[in-house]
Amino acid sequence: MELKQYFQMMKKNFTLFVWILGATFFLVLGYFFFRPLSYNTSLTINISRLGTQETSDYRFDDFYRLQADEKFAETIVEWLKSPQIISEIYSQSGIDLGEKSLKKIVRIFKAEKRSSQVVFVEFSTSSEKDAPKISKNLIKIISQETEKLNVKQKNKDWFFVLGNDPVTRKITPDYLKVIGGTIFVGFFLSFWGVLLKHYLE
């Protein structure tokens, strides 16, 4: 089919083209405007020690300490993927996880080791008031898990964790990108809608 024929086909079915484009536009924008509010929170966990133990060769003290710090930071990241720990954090925050599957629960927290002494955590909530409660209990539960490990230590080389004040922001879409993407998708669907009608006639 030549380009001229496509233009003629679009002109003939202009009403259908505009209807599909408009429907796509309002459906997508309606979804973004009327969807429930969501808040994104970031929390920084700092790792420190209550004491240190020197080895027989002081030259390797910092090396072994750094290795241990790295491993402990990785342990915190793994704890925040545990359904049991996540459920306990939410339970103590007075928030019901409802019927969430295990697959969804383990994705609630996005934890990332930024250095041997810093773990960065992100999570989303439907209420701005829930963020401080979750952050507080997250640090509390992680501290409790840390204490359990410390009990097993035979030397004064214990870890403890501190949490900075969480930062919470409302999630707002980039409406320019949304509108641009909606128009593109709308034209795509309109074109194929008209083409389908043409071949069915």
N, C-alpha and C. Protein backbone atom coordinates (compact mmCIF):
# COMPACT_ATOMS: atom_id res chain seq x y z
N MET A 1 0.85 -1.19 0.00
CA MET A 1 0.00 0.00 0.00
C MET A 1 0.89 1.25 0.00
N GLU A 2 0.59 2.19 -0.90
CA GLU A 2 1.38 3.41 -1.01
C GLU A 2 1.01 4.40 0.09
N LEU A 3 1.91 5.38 0.30
CA LEU A 3 1.72 6.37 1.34
C LEU A 3 0.43 7.16 1.12
N LYS A 4 0.13 7.46 -0.14
CA LYS A 4 -1.07 8.22 -0.48
C LYS A 4 -2.32 7.46 -0.05
N GLN A 5 -2.29 6.15 -0.22
CA GLN A 5 -3.43 5.32 0.16
C GLN A 5 -3.63 5.31 1.68
N TYR A 6 -2.51 5.34 2.39
CA TYR A 6 -2.61 5.39 3.86
C TYR A 6 -3.27 6.69 4.30
N PHE A 7 -2.87 7.80 3.68
CA PHE A 7 -3.47 9.09 4.03
C PHE A 7 -4.97 9.11 3.73
N GLN A 8 -5.34 8.54 2.60
CA GLN A 8 -6.75 8.47 2.23
C GLN A 8 -7.53 7.62 3.22
N MET A 9 -6.91 6.52 3.64
CA MET A 9 -7.56 5.62 4.60
C MET A 9 -7.75 6.33 5.94
N MET A 10 -6.73 7.09 6.39
CA MET A 10 -6.84 7.82 7.64
C MET A 10 -7.89 8.93 7.55
N LYS A 11 -7.94 9.58 6.40
CA LYS A 11 -8.91 10.65 6.20
C LYS A 11 -10.33 10.10 6.22
N LYS A 12 -10.51 8.94 5.62
CA LYS A 12 -11.82 8.30 5.57
C LYS A 12 -12.28 7.89 6.96
N ASN A 13 -11.33 7.45 7.78
CA ASN A 13 -11.67 6.96 9.13
C ASN A 13 -11.15 7.92 10.21
N PHE A 14 -11.19 9.20 9.90
CA PHE A 14 -10.64 10.20 10.81
C PHE A 14 -11.34 10.18 12.18
N THR A 15 -12.65 9.99 12.16
CA THR A 15 -13.41 9.97 13.42
C THR A 15 -12.94 8.83 14.32
N LEU A 16 -12.76 7.64 13.74
CA LEU A 16 -12.28 6.49 14.50
C LEU A 16 -10.87 6.75 15.04
N PHE A 17 -10.03 7.35 14.19
CA PHE A 17 -8.65 7.65 14.58
C PHE A 17 -8.63 8.56 15.81
N VAL A 18 -9.41 9.64 15.74
CA VAL A 18 -9.46 10.60 16.85
C VAL A 18 -10.07 9.97 18.09
N TRP A 19 -11.08 9.12 17.91
CA TRP A 19 -11.74 8.48 19.05
C TRP A 19 -10.77 7.58 19.81
N ILE A 20 -10.00 6.76 19.08
CA ILE A 20 -9.03 5.87 19.73
C ILE A 20 -7.93 6.68 20.41
N LEU A 21 -7.46 7.73 19.72
CA LEU A 21 -6.42 8.59 20.29
C LEU A 21 -6.90 9.25 21.57
N GLY A 22 -8.12 9.79 21.52
CA GLY A 22 -8.68 10.47 22.70
C GLY A 22 -8.92 9.51 23.86
N ALA A 23 -9.44 8.31 23.53
CA ALA A 23 -9.71 7.32 24.58
C ALA A 23 -8.41 6.90 25.27
N THR A 24 -7.37 6.67 24.47
CA THR A 24 -6.07 6.29 25.04
C THR A 24 -5.53 7.39 25.93
N PHE A 25 -5.63 8.62 25.45
CA PHE A 25 -5.12 9.77 26.19
C PHE A 25 -5.80 9.92 27.55
N PHE A 26 -7.13 9.86 27.56
CA PHE A 26 -7.86 10.07 28.81
C PHE A 26 -7.74 8.88 29.76
N LEU A 27 -7.65 7.67 29.23
CA LEU A 27 -7.50 6.50 30.09
C LEU A 27 -6.16 6.52 30.82
N VAL A 28 -5.09 6.82 30.07
CA VAL A 28 -3.76 6.84 30.68
C VAL A 28 -3.63 7.99 31.68
N LEU A 29 -4.05 9.18 31.28
CA LEU A 29 -3.95 10.32 32.19
C LEU A 29 -4.85 10.13 33.41
N GLY A 30 -6.02 9.52 33.18
CA GLY A 30 -6.93 9.23 34.30
C GLY A 30 -6.29 8.32 35.31
N TYR A 31 -5.54 7.33 34.82
CA TYR A 31 -4.86 6.40 35.72
C TYR A 31 -3.84 7.14 36.59
N PHE A 32 -3.05 8.03 36.00
CA PHE A 32 -2.02 8.73 36.76
C PHE A 32 -2.60 9.78 37.70
N PHE A 33 -3.71 10.42 37.30
CA PHE A 33 -4.28 11.46 38.14
C PHE A 33 -5.08 10.90 39.31
N PHE A 34 -5.71 9.74 39.12
CA PHE A 34 -6.60 9.21 40.15
C PHE A 34 -6.04 8.01 40.91
N ARG A 35 -4.83 7.59 40.60
CA ARG A 35 -4.25 6.47 41.34
C ARG A 35 -3.93 6.92 42.77
N PRO A 36 -3.87 5.96 43.72
CA PRO A 36 -3.59 6.32 45.12
C PRO A 36 -2.21 6.97 45.26
N LEU A 37 -2.12 7.87 46.23
CA LEU A 37 -0.84 8.53 46.48
C LEU A 37 0.18 7.53 47.00
N SER A 38 1.43 7.76 46.67
CA SER A 38 2.50 6.88 47.11
C SER A 38 3.70 7.74 47.52
N TYR A 39 4.39 7.29 48.56
CA TYR A 39 5.52 8.05 49.08
C TYR A 39 6.78 7.19 49.07
N ASN A 40 7.88 7.78 48.66
CA ASN A 40 9.16 7.08 48.61
C ASN A 40 10.04 7.57 49.75
N THR A 41 10.65 6.62 50.48
CA THR A 41 11.48 6.97 51.63
C THR A 41 12.88 6.39 51.48
N SER A 42 13.87 7.19 51.82
CA SER A 42 15.25 6.70 51.83
C SER A 42 15.78 6.77 53.26
N LEU A 43 16.54 5.75 53.62
CA LEU A 43 17.09 5.64 54.97
C LEU A 43 18.53 5.15 54.88
N THR A 44 19.41 5.80 55.60
CA THR A 44 20.82 5.40 55.61
C THR A 44 21.15 4.71 56.93
N ILE A 45 21.70 3.49 56.82
CA ILE A 45 22.12 2.74 58.00
C ILE A 45 23.64 2.83 58.10
N ASN A 46 24.12 3.30 59.23
CA ASN A 46 25.56 3.40 59.48
C ASN A 46 26.01 2.26 60.39
N ILE A 47 27.11 1.63 60.03
CA ILE A 47 27.64 0.50 60.78
C ILE A 47 28.88 0.96 61.55
N SER A 48 28.90 0.66 62.84
CA SER A 48 30.06 1.00 63.65
C SER A 48 30.37 -0.17 64.59
N ARG A 49 31.33 0.05 65.48
CA ARG A 49 31.76 -1.02 66.39
C ARG A 49 31.78 -0.53 67.84
N LEU A 50 31.53 -1.46 68.75
CA LEU A 50 31.63 -1.17 70.18
C LEU A 50 33.05 -1.35 70.68
N GLY A 51 33.83 -2.13 69.94
CA GLY A 51 35.21 -2.37 70.35
C GLY A 51 35.96 -3.06 69.24
N THR A 52 37.24 -3.16 69.37
CA THR A 52 38.07 -3.84 68.37
C THR A 52 39.07 -4.74 69.06
N GLN A 53 39.52 -5.71 68.31
CA GLN A 53 40.55 -6.60 68.83
C GLN A 53 41.76 -6.54 67.90
N GLU A 54 42.90 -6.36 68.46
CA GLU A 54 44.12 -6.31 67.65
C GLU A 54 44.65 -7.72 67.43
N THR A 55 45.15 -7.95 66.23
CA THR A 55 45.76 -9.24 65.93
C THR A 55 47.22 -9.21 66.36
N SER A 56 47.88 -10.35 66.26
CA SER A 56 49.29 -10.41 66.64
C SER A 56 50.16 -9.59 65.70
N ASP A 57 49.65 -9.39 64.50
CA ASP A 57 50.38 -8.57 63.52
C ASP A 57 49.54 -7.35 63.21
N TYR A 58 49.90 -6.20 63.80
CA TYR A 58 49.09 -4.99 63.67
C TYR A 58 48.92 -4.54 62.23
N ARG A 59 49.80 -4.96 61.33
CA ARG A 59 49.73 -4.54 59.93
C ARG A 59 48.45 -5.03 59.27
N PHE A 60 47.89 -6.11 59.78
CA PHE A 60 46.70 -6.69 59.16
C PHE A 60 45.41 -6.33 59.89
N ASP A 61 45.51 -5.54 60.96
CA ASP A 61 44.31 -5.19 61.73
C ASP A 61 43.25 -4.54 60.86
N ASP A 62 43.64 -3.48 60.15
CA ASP A 62 42.68 -2.75 59.32
C ASP A 62 42.14 -3.61 58.19
N PHE A 63 42.99 -4.46 57.63
CA PHE A 63 42.56 -5.32 56.53
C PHE A 63 41.45 -6.27 56.98
N TYR A 64 41.67 -6.96 58.10
CA TYR A 64 40.68 -7.90 58.60
C TYR A 64 39.41 -7.19 59.07
N ARG A 65 39.59 -6.01 59.65
CA ARG A 65 38.44 -5.25 60.11
C ARG A 65 37.58 -4.81 58.93
N LEU A 66 38.22 -4.36 57.86
CA LEU A 66 37.50 -3.94 56.66
C LEU A 66 36.75 -5.11 56.03
N GLN A 67 37.39 -6.28 56.00
CA GLN A 67 36.73 -7.46 55.46
C GLN A 67 35.49 -7.81 56.27
N ALA A 68 35.62 -7.75 57.59
CA ALA A 68 34.48 -8.06 58.47
C ALA A 68 33.36 -7.04 58.28
N ASP A 69 33.72 -5.76 58.14
CA ASP A 69 32.72 -4.72 57.91
C ASP A 69 31.97 -4.96 56.60
N GLU A 70 32.70 -5.33 55.56
CA GLU A 70 32.08 -5.60 54.26
C GLU A 70 31.07 -6.73 54.38
N LYS A 71 31.46 -7.80 55.06
CA LYS A 71 30.59 -8.96 55.22
C LYS A 71 29.35 -8.61 56.04
N PHE A 72 29.53 -7.80 57.07
CA PHE A 72 28.39 -7.44 57.90
C PHE A 72 27.41 -6.54 57.14
N ALA A 73 27.94 -5.62 56.33
CA ALA A 73 27.07 -4.78 55.51
C ALA A 73 26.25 -5.64 54.54
N GLU A 74 26.89 -6.66 53.98
CA GLU A 74 26.18 -7.58 53.08
C GLU A 74 25.12 -8.37 53.84
N THR A 75 25.41 -8.69 55.10
CA THR A 75 24.44 -9.41 55.93
C THR A 75 23.19 -8.57 56.16
N ILE A 76 23.36 -7.27 56.41
CA ILE A 76 22.21 -6.38 56.60
C ILE A 76 21.35 -6.34 55.34
N VAL A 77 22.00 -6.27 54.19
CA VAL A 77 21.27 -6.27 52.91
C VAL A 77 20.43 -7.54 52.79
N GLU A 78 20.99 -8.68 53.17
CA GLU A 78 20.27 -9.95 53.09
C GLU A 78 19.15 -10.02 54.12
N TRP A 79 19.37 -9.47 55.31
CA TRP A 79 18.31 -9.44 56.31
C TRP A 79 17.07 -8.72 55.78
N LEU A 80 17.30 -7.65 55.03
CA LEU A 80 16.18 -6.85 54.52
C LEU A 80 15.51 -7.49 53.31
N LYS A 81 15.90 -8.72 52.99
CA LYS A 81 15.21 -9.52 51.98
C LYS A 81 14.48 -10.70 52.63
N SER A 82 14.60 -10.80 53.95
CA SER A 82 13.99 -11.91 54.68
C SER A 82 12.52 -11.64 54.97
N PRO A 83 11.61 -12.51 54.53
CA PRO A 83 10.18 -12.32 54.81
C PRO A 83 9.88 -12.22 56.30
N GLN A 84 10.60 -13.01 57.10
CA GLN A 84 10.38 -13.00 58.55
C GLN A 84 10.73 -11.64 59.15
N ILE A 85 11.89 -11.11 58.79
CA ILE A 85 12.32 -9.82 59.33
C ILE A 85 11.44 -8.69 58.81
N ILE A 86 11.10 -8.72 57.54
CA ILE A 86 10.24 -7.68 56.96
C ILE A 86 8.87 -7.69 57.62
N SER A 87 8.31 -8.88 57.81
CA SER A 87 7.00 -9.01 58.46
C SER A 87 7.04 -8.48 59.88
N GLU A 88 8.15 -8.73 60.59
CA GLU A 88 8.29 -8.25 61.97
C GLU A 88 8.37 -6.73 62.00
N ILE A 89 9.09 -6.15 61.05
CA ILE A 89 9.20 -4.68 60.98
C ILE A 89 7.82 -4.05 60.79
N TYR A 90 7.05 -4.61 59.87
CA TYR A 90 5.72 -4.06 59.59
C TYR A 90 4.75 -4.33 60.73
N SER A 91 4.88 -5.50 61.36
CA SER A 91 4.01 -5.83 62.49
C SER A 91 4.22 -4.86 63.64
N GLN A 92 5.47 -4.58 63.97
CA GLN A 92 5.77 -3.65 65.07
C GLN A 92 5.42 -2.21 64.70
N SER A 93 5.27 -1.94 63.41
CA SER A 93 4.87 -0.60 62.96
C SER A 93 3.36 -0.47 62.90
N GLY A 94 2.65 -1.58 63.20
CA GLY A 94 1.19 -1.56 63.18
C GLY A 94 0.61 -1.52 61.78
N ILE A 95 1.34 -2.07 60.81
CA ILE A 95 0.90 -2.06 59.42
C ILE A 95 0.69 -3.49 58.95
N ASP A 96 -0.49 -3.75 58.40
CA ASP A 96 -0.83 -5.09 57.93
C ASP A 96 -0.36 -5.27 56.49
N LEU A 97 0.39 -6.33 56.25
CA LEU A 97 0.86 -6.61 54.89
C LEU A 97 -0.23 -7.26 54.04
N GLY A 98 -1.35 -7.58 54.67
CA GLY A 98 -2.47 -8.13 53.91
C GLY A 98 -2.17 -9.48 53.29
N GLU A 99 -2.57 -9.61 52.04
CA GLU A 99 -2.40 -10.88 51.33
C GLU A 99 -1.19 -10.86 50.39
N LYS A 100 -0.21 -10.04 50.72
CA LYS A 100 0.98 -9.98 49.86
C LYS A 100 1.68 -11.33 49.80
N SER A 101 2.10 -11.71 48.61
CA SER A 101 2.83 -12.96 48.44
C SER A 101 4.27 -12.79 48.94
N LEU A 102 4.94 -13.92 49.17
CA LEU A 102 6.34 -13.86 49.61
C LEU A 102 7.20 -13.14 48.59
N LYS A 103 6.87 -13.33 47.31
CA LYS A 103 7.63 -12.70 46.24
C LYS A 103 7.56 -11.18 46.35
N LYS A 104 6.39 -10.65 46.73
CA LYS A 104 6.23 -9.21 46.86
C LYS A 104 6.84 -8.70 48.17
N ILE A 105 6.73 -9.51 49.22
CA ILE A 105 7.27 -9.09 50.52
C ILE A 105 8.78 -8.88 50.45
N VAL A 106 9.49 -9.81 49.80
CA VAL A 106 10.96 -9.70 49.76
C VAL A 106 11.42 -8.51 48.91
N ARG A 107 10.50 -7.89 48.18
CA ARG A 107 10.86 -6.74 47.36
C ARG A 107 10.46 -5.41 47.99
N ILE A 108 9.92 -5.45 49.20
CA ILE A 108 9.46 -4.22 49.85
C ILE A 108 10.62 -3.25 50.08
N PHE A 109 11.74 -3.77 50.57
CA PHE A 109 12.91 -2.93 50.81
C PHE A 109 13.94 -3.13 49.71
N LYS A 110 14.45 -2.02 49.22
CA LYS A 110 15.55 -2.07 48.27
C LYS A 110 16.81 -1.63 49.02
N ALA A 111 17.60 -2.61 49.45
CA ALA A 111 18.79 -2.31 50.25
C ALA A 111 20.04 -2.46 49.39
N GLU A 112 20.94 -1.52 49.56
CA GLU A 112 22.17 -1.52 48.77
C GLU A 112 23.36 -1.14 49.64
N LYS A 113 24.41 -1.94 49.60
CA LYS A 113 25.63 -1.62 50.33
C LYS A 113 26.40 -0.55 49.56
N ARG A 114 26.53 0.64 50.16
CA ARG A 114 27.24 1.73 49.51
C ARG A 114 28.73 1.73 49.87
N SER A 115 29.05 1.22 51.04
CA SER A 115 30.44 1.08 51.47
C SER A 115 30.47 0.05 52.58
N SER A 116 31.64 -0.16 53.17
CA SER A 116 31.74 -1.16 54.24
C SER A 116 30.99 -0.73 55.49
N GLN A 117 30.66 0.55 55.60
CA GLN A 117 29.98 1.04 56.81
C GLN A 117 28.67 1.75 56.53
N VAL A 118 28.20 1.68 55.31
CA VAL A 118 26.95 2.37 54.95
C VAL A 118 26.07 1.46 54.09
N VAL A 119 24.82 1.32 54.53
CA VAL A 119 23.81 0.60 53.74
C VAL A 119 22.67 1.56 53.47
N PHE A 120 22.30 1.69 52.21
CA PHE A 120 21.24 2.60 51.79
C PHE A 120 19.96 1.80 51.56
N VAL A 121 18.85 2.25 52.14
CA VAL A 121 17.57 1.52 52.03
C VAL A 121 16.50 2.44 51.45
N GLU A 122 15.72 1.92 50.52
CA GLU A 122 14.58 2.64 49.96
C GLU A 122 13.34 1.78 50.08
N PHE A 123 12.19 2.42 50.33
CA PHE A 123 10.92 1.71 50.34
C PHE A 123 9.79 2.70 50.09
N SER A 124 8.65 2.17 49.71
CA SER A 124 7.49 3.01 49.39
C SER A 124 6.34 2.70 50.33
N THR A 125 5.54 3.73 50.63
CA THR A 125 4.36 3.56 51.47
C THR A 125 3.19 4.33 50.86
N SER A 126 1.99 3.94 51.26
CA SER A 126 0.80 4.65 50.78
C SER A 126 0.45 5.83 51.67
N SER A 127 1.09 5.90 52.84
CA SER A 127 0.84 6.99 53.78
C SER A 127 2.17 7.59 54.24
N GLU A 128 2.23 8.90 54.26
CA GLU A 128 3.46 9.58 54.68
C GLU A 128 3.76 9.31 56.16
N LYS A 129 2.71 9.08 56.96
CA LYS A 129 2.87 8.85 58.39
C LYS A 129 3.50 7.48 58.69
N ASP A 130 3.39 6.55 57.75
CA ASP A 130 3.94 5.20 57.98
C ASP A 130 5.46 5.16 57.87
N ALA A 131 6.02 6.06 57.09
CA ALA A 131 7.47 6.03 56.81
C ALA A 131 8.33 6.13 58.07
N PRO A 132 8.08 7.09 58.99
CA PRO A 132 8.92 7.16 60.20
C PRO A 132 8.79 5.92 61.07
N LYS A 133 7.59 5.37 61.16
CA LYS A 133 7.37 4.17 61.98
C LYS A 133 8.15 2.98 61.42
N ILE A 134 8.07 2.81 60.11
CA ILE A 134 8.78 1.70 59.48
C ILE A 134 10.29 1.88 59.64
N SER A 135 10.77 3.10 59.43
CA SER A 135 12.21 3.38 59.55
C SER A 135 12.71 3.09 60.96
N LYS A 136 11.94 3.54 61.96
CA LYS A 136 12.32 3.34 63.36
C LYS A 136 12.39 1.85 63.70
N ASN A 137 11.38 1.10 63.28
CA ASN A 137 11.35 -0.33 63.60
C ASN A 137 12.32 -1.13 62.76
N LEU A 138 12.64 -0.63 61.57
CA LEU A 138 13.67 -1.30 60.76
C LEU A 138 15.01 -1.27 61.50
N ILE A 139 15.38 -0.09 62.00
CA ILE A 139 16.64 0.03 62.75
C ILE A 139 16.57 -0.82 64.03
N LYS A 140 15.42 -0.82 64.67
CA LYS A 140 15.24 -1.59 65.91
C LYS A 140 15.45 -3.08 65.67
N ILE A 141 14.81 -3.62 64.63
CA ILE A 141 14.90 -5.05 64.33
C ILE A 141 16.31 -5.42 63.88
N ILE A 142 16.91 -4.59 63.04
CA ILE A 142 18.28 -4.86 62.58
C ILE A 142 19.24 -4.83 63.77
N SER A 143 19.01 -3.91 64.71
CA SER A 143 19.85 -3.85 65.92
C SER A 143 19.70 -5.11 66.75
N GLN A 144 18.47 -5.61 66.84
CA GLN A 144 18.23 -6.85 67.60
C GLN A 144 18.93 -8.04 66.95
N GLU A 145 18.86 -8.10 65.62
CA GLU A 145 19.55 -9.19 64.91
C GLU A 145 21.07 -9.07 65.09
N THR A 146 21.55 -7.83 65.13
CA THR A 146 22.99 -7.61 65.33
C THR A 146 23.41 -8.08 66.72
N GLU A 147 22.58 -7.79 67.71
CA GLU A 147 22.88 -8.21 69.08
C GLU A 147 22.96 -9.73 69.19
N LYS A 148 22.11 -10.42 68.44
CA LYS A 148 22.14 -11.89 68.45
C LYS A 148 23.49 -12.40 67.94
N LEU A 149 24.02 -11.72 66.93
CA LEU A 149 25.33 -12.11 66.42
C LEU A 149 26.43 -11.77 67.41
N ASN A 150 26.28 -10.62 68.05
CA ASN A 150 27.31 -10.17 69.00
C ASN A 150 27.44 -11.11 70.20
N VAL A 151 26.33 -11.71 70.61
CA VAL A 151 26.35 -12.63 71.75
C VAL A 151 27.30 -13.79 71.50
N LYS A 152 27.40 -14.18 70.23
CA LYS A 152 28.22 -15.34 69.87
C LYS A 152 29.70 -15.00 69.73
N GLN A 153 30.01 -13.70 69.78
CA GLN A 153 31.40 -13.30 69.61
C GLN A 153 32.21 -13.58 70.87
N LYS A 154 33.43 -14.00 70.70
CA LYS A 154 34.31 -14.30 71.84
C LYS A 154 35.28 -13.16 72.12
N ASN A 155 35.23 -12.13 71.27
CA ASN A 155 36.14 -11.01 71.49
C ASN A 155 35.38 -9.69 71.37
N LYS A 156 35.99 -8.62 71.83
CA LYS A 156 35.34 -7.31 71.78
C LYS A 156 35.48 -6.69 70.40
N ASP A 157 34.71 -7.20 69.49
CA ASP A 157 34.77 -6.74 68.11
C ASP A 157 33.34 -6.61 67.58
N TRP A 158 32.46 -6.10 68.44
CA TRP A 158 31.04 -6.15 68.17
C TRP A 158 30.57 -4.99 67.30
N PHE A 159 29.55 -5.28 66.50
CA PHE A 159 28.95 -4.26 65.64
C PHE A 159 27.73 -3.63 66.32
N PHE A 160 27.41 -2.43 65.89
CA PHE A 160 26.10 -1.86 66.19
C PHE A 160 25.72 -0.94 65.03
N VAL A 161 24.42 -0.69 64.89
CA VAL A 161 23.94 0.09 63.75
C VAL A 161 23.22 1.34 64.23
N LEU A 162 23.32 2.38 63.42
CA LEU A 162 22.64 3.64 63.66
C LEU A 162 21.92 4.05 62.39
N GLY A 163 20.74 4.60 62.54
CA GLY A 163 19.99 5.05 61.37
C GLY A 163 19.85 6.56 61.35
N ASN A 164 20.09 7.16 60.20
CA ASN A 164 19.85 8.59 60.05
C ASN A 164 18.35 8.85 59.94
N ASP A 165 17.96 10.10 60.08
CA ASP A 165 16.55 10.44 59.91
C ASP A 165 16.13 10.14 58.47
N PRO A 166 14.99 9.45 58.29
CA PRO A 166 14.55 9.12 56.94
C PRO A 166 14.11 10.36 56.16
N VAL A 167 14.24 10.28 54.86
CA VAL A 167 13.78 11.36 53.97
C VAL A 167 12.64 10.81 53.13
N THR A 168 11.48 11.45 53.21
CA THR A 168 10.28 10.97 52.51
C THR A 168 9.78 12.02 51.53
N ARG A 169 9.47 11.58 50.33
CA ARG A 169 8.94 12.46 49.29
C ARG A 169 7.77 11.78 48.58
N LYS A 170 6.79 12.59 48.21
CA LYS A 170 5.66 12.06 47.46
C LYS A 170 6.11 11.72 46.04
N ILE A 171 5.67 10.56 45.57
CA ILE A 171 6.03 10.14 44.21
C ILE A 171 5.10 10.83 43.22
N THR A 172 5.66 11.64 42.36
CA THR A 172 4.88 12.32 41.33
C THR A 172 5.46 11.99 39.96
N PRO A 173 4.61 11.57 39.04
CA PRO A 173 5.12 11.22 37.71
C PRO A 173 5.57 12.45 36.94
N ASP A 174 6.43 12.25 35.97
CA ASP A 174 6.85 13.31 35.06
C ASP A 174 5.76 13.44 34.00
N TYR A 175 4.87 14.42 34.21
CA TYR A 175 3.68 14.52 33.36
C TYR A 175 4.02 14.84 31.90
N LEU A 176 5.12 15.54 31.65
CA LEU A 176 5.51 15.81 30.26
C LEU A 176 5.84 14.50 29.54
N LYS A 177 6.58 13.61 30.24
CA LYS A 177 6.90 12.31 29.65
C LYS A 177 5.65 11.46 29.50
N VAL A 178 4.76 11.54 30.50
CA VAL A 178 3.52 10.76 30.44
C VAL A 178 2.67 11.19 29.26
N ILE A 179 2.52 12.51 29.08
CA ILE A 179 1.72 13.02 27.97
C ILE A 179 2.35 12.66 26.63
N GLY A 180 3.68 12.84 26.54
CA GLY A 180 4.38 12.50 25.30
C GLY A 180 4.25 11.03 24.97
N GLY A 181 4.43 10.17 25.97
CA GLY A 181 4.31 8.73 25.75
C GLY A 181 2.89 8.34 25.39
N THR A 182 1.91 8.99 26.03
CA THR A 182 0.51 8.69 25.76
C THR A 182 0.14 9.05 24.33
N ILE A 183 0.60 10.20 23.86
CA ILE A 183 0.32 10.61 22.48
C ILE A 183 0.93 9.63 21.49
N PHE A 184 2.17 9.21 21.77
CA PHE A 184 2.84 8.24 20.89
C PHE A 184 2.06 6.93 20.82
N VAL A 185 1.70 6.41 22.00
CA VAL A 185 0.94 5.15 22.04
C VAL A 185 -0.43 5.33 21.40
N GLY A 186 -1.04 6.50 21.64
CA GLY A 186 -2.35 6.77 21.05
C GLY A 186 -2.32 6.76 19.54
N PHE A 187 -1.31 7.41 18.95
CA PHE A 187 -1.17 7.40 17.48
C PHE A 187 -0.93 5.98 16.96
N PHE A 188 -0.14 5.22 17.69
CA PHE A 188 0.15 3.84 17.29
C PHE A 188 -1.13 3.00 17.28
N LEU A 189 -1.90 3.07 18.36
CA LEU A 189 -3.14 2.29 18.45
C LEU A 189 -4.17 2.78 17.44
N SER A 190 -4.24 4.09 17.24
CA SER A 190 -5.20 4.65 16.28
C SER A 190 -4.89 4.18 14.87
N PHE A 191 -3.61 4.18 14.52
CA PHE A 191 -3.21 3.74 13.18
C PHE A 191 -3.61 2.29 12.94
N TRP A 192 -3.28 1.42 13.90
CA TRP A 192 -3.59 0.00 13.72
C TRP A 192 -5.09 -0.27 13.84
N GLY A 193 -5.80 0.56 14.60
CA GLY A 193 -7.25 0.42 14.68
C GLY A 193 -7.91 0.72 13.34
N VAL A 194 -7.45 1.80 12.71
CA VAL A 194 -7.98 2.18 11.39
C VAL A 194 -7.59 1.13 10.35
N LEU A 195 -6.35 0.65 10.42
CA LEU A 195 -5.88 -0.37 9.48
C LEU A 195 -6.69 -1.66 9.60
N LEU A 196 -6.99 -2.05 10.85
CA LEU A 196 -7.79 -3.26 11.07
C LEU A 196 -9.19 -3.09 10.52
N LYS A 197 -9.79 -1.93 10.74
CA LYS A 197 -11.14 -1.66 10.23
C LYS A 197 -11.15 -1.71 8.70
N HIS A 198 -10.09 -1.16 8.10
CA HIS A 198 -9.99 -1.14 6.64
C HIS A 198 -9.98 -2.55 6.06
N TYR A 199 -9.22 -3.46 6.68
CA TYR A 199 -9.10 -4.81 6.14
C TYR A 199 -10.30 -5.69 6.48
N LEU A 200 -11.08 -5.27 7.48
CA LEU A 200 -12.28 -6.04 7.82
C LEU A 200 -13.49 -5.64 6.97
N GLU A 201 -13.38 -4.50 6.33
CA GLU A 201 -14.51 -4.04 5.49
C GLU A 201 -14.61 -4.83 4.20
